[in-house]
């Protein structure tokens, strides 16, 4: 069984629409910093371009370790800190306008 997760419900829904007939594949929402999955559940965890958007990358890595079975493997892919990406001015604008929300100064 494979489970794809995204923080945004709209992205999980889009994935379901694009892959409706793949057996043993499901898509759901979850928070990478506080995964709702049970301990030692997965043989493999992959994460593409997630860590650079999280408040606490170490918490995400801890969650990955928690949900991996003993001997499990993780693959975490990033481009680098969002401040160094070519679109970083857009993220800075979102952060300035979103104080107190998921992207801004505090967690909600």
Protein backbone atom coordinates (compact mmCIF):
# COMPACT_ATOMS: atom_id res chain seq x y z
CA UNK A 1 0.00 0.00 0.00
CA UNK A 2 1.25 3.49 -0.84
CA UNK A 3 -0.11 6.70 0.69
CA UNK A 4 0.54 10.15 -0.74
CA UNK A 5 0.03 13.06 1.64
CA UNK A 6 -0.04 16.82 1.28
CA UNK A 7 -0.78 19.59 3.76
CA UNK A 8 -3.28 21.15 1.33
CA UNK A 9 -6.59 19.31 0.90
CA UNK A 10 -6.88 20.64 -2.66
CA UNK A 11 -3.58 18.99 -3.62
CA UNK A 12 -4.62 15.62 -2.17
CA UNK A 13 -7.91 15.89 -4.06
CA UNK A 14 -6.11 16.74 -7.29
CA UNK A 15 -3.85 13.71 -6.86
CA UNK A 16 -6.91 11.49 -6.33
CA UNK A 17 -8.46 12.87 -9.53
CA UNK A 18 -5.29 12.26 -11.54
CA UNK A 19 -4.76 8.68 -10.30
CA UNK A 20 -8.25 7.29 -9.61
CA UNK A 21 -7.67 3.70 -10.69
CA UNK A 22 -4.27 2.84 -9.21
CA UNK A 23 -4.75 -0.13 -6.86
CA UNK A 24 -3.32 0.11 -3.35
CA UNK A 25 -2.65 3.86 -3.70
CA UNK A 26 -4.43 6.53 -1.70
CA UNK A 27 -4.02 10.25 -1.07
CA UNK A 28 -4.71 12.11 2.15
CA UNK A 29 -3.88 15.31 4.02
CA UNK A 30 -1.41 15.43 6.89
CA UNK A 31 1.04 17.76 8.64
CA UNK A 32 4.64 16.71 8.08
CA UNK A 33 5.64 18.15 11.47
CA UNK A 34 2.99 16.11 13.31
CA UNK A 35 2.12 13.07 11.19
CA UNK A 36 -1.07 11.30 12.21
CA UNK A 37 0.32 7.92 11.08
CA UNK A 38 1.19 5.15 13.55
CA UNK A 39 4.75 4.41 14.66
CA UNK A 40 6.83 2.00 12.57
CA UNK A 41 4.20 1.80 9.82
CA UNK A 42 6.21 2.28 6.59
CA UNK A 43 9.13 0.56 4.90
CA UNK A 44 9.92 3.66 2.81
CA UNK A 45 9.16 7.36 3.20
CA UNK A 46 9.87 9.87 0.44
CA UNK A 47 9.48 13.62 0.64
CA UNK A 48 9.88 15.91 -2.34
CA UNK A 49 10.43 19.61 -1.70
CA UNK A 50 8.77 19.67 1.73
CA UNK A 51 11.49 20.43 4.29
CA UNK A 52 12.31 23.86 2.90
CA UNK A 53 8.73 25.05 3.57
CA UNK A 54 8.39 23.71 7.12
CA UNK A 55 8.90 25.73 10.26
CA UNK A 56 10.73 22.87 11.93
CA UNK A 57 12.62 20.64 9.50
CA UNK A 58 14.05 18.63 12.40
CA UNK A 59 10.51 17.83 13.56
CA UNK A 60 9.72 16.53 10.07
CA UNK A 61 12.83 14.34 10.09
CA UNK A 62 11.83 13.06 13.53
CA UNK A 63 8.36 12.20 12.24
CA UNK A 64 9.86 10.36 9.27
CA UNK A 65 12.04 8.34 11.65
CA UNK A 66 9.04 7.62 13.88
CA UNK A 67 6.82 6.24 11.12
CA UNK A 68 9.58 4.14 9.52
CA UNK A 69 9.84 0.49 10.46
CA UNK A 70 13.22 -0.64 11.80
CA UNK A 71 15.55 -0.85 8.81
CA UNK A 72 13.25 1.39 6.76
CA UNK A 73 14.60 3.93 4.32
CA UNK A 74 13.90 7.60 3.77
CA UNK A 75 14.54 9.82 0.76
CA UNK A 76 14.14 13.56 1.39
CA UNK A 77 14.68 15.90 -1.57
CA UNK A 78 15.14 19.68 -1.28
CA UNK A 79 16.45 22.49 -3.43
CA UNK A 80 17.73 24.34 -0.40
CA UNK A 81 16.46 27.01 1.99
CA UNK A 82 13.55 28.92 0.48
CA UNK A 83 15.52 32.16 0.90
CA UNK A 84 17.93 30.95 -1.80
CA UNK A 85 15.36 29.86 -4.36
CA UNK A 86 14.58 32.06 -7.33
CA UNK A 87 10.97 32.56 -6.18
CA UNK A 88 11.92 33.54 -2.61
CA UNK A 89 10.53 37.10 -3.04
CA UNK A 90 7.07 35.56 -3.53
CA UNK A 91 7.40 33.55 -0.31
CA UNK A 92 8.55 36.67 1.54
CA UNK A 93 5.44 38.55 0.34
CA UNK A 94 3.20 35.67 1.47
CA UNK A 95 4.93 35.59 4.87
CA UNK A 96 4.53 39.37 5.34
CA UNK A 97 0.84 39.22 4.47
CA UNK A 98 0.12 36.05 6.46
CA UNK A 99 1.37 36.88 9.95
CA UNK A 100 -0.20 34.46 12.41
CA UNK A 101 -1.05 31.85 9.78
CA UNK A 102 0.66 28.69 8.57
CA UNK A 103 3.05 30.64 6.31
CA UNK A 104 3.59 33.62 8.55
CA UNK A 105 4.93 34.48 11.95
CA UNK A 106 2.97 31.99 14.02
CA UNK A 107 1.25 28.67 13.80
CA UNK A 108 -2.48 28.41 13.50
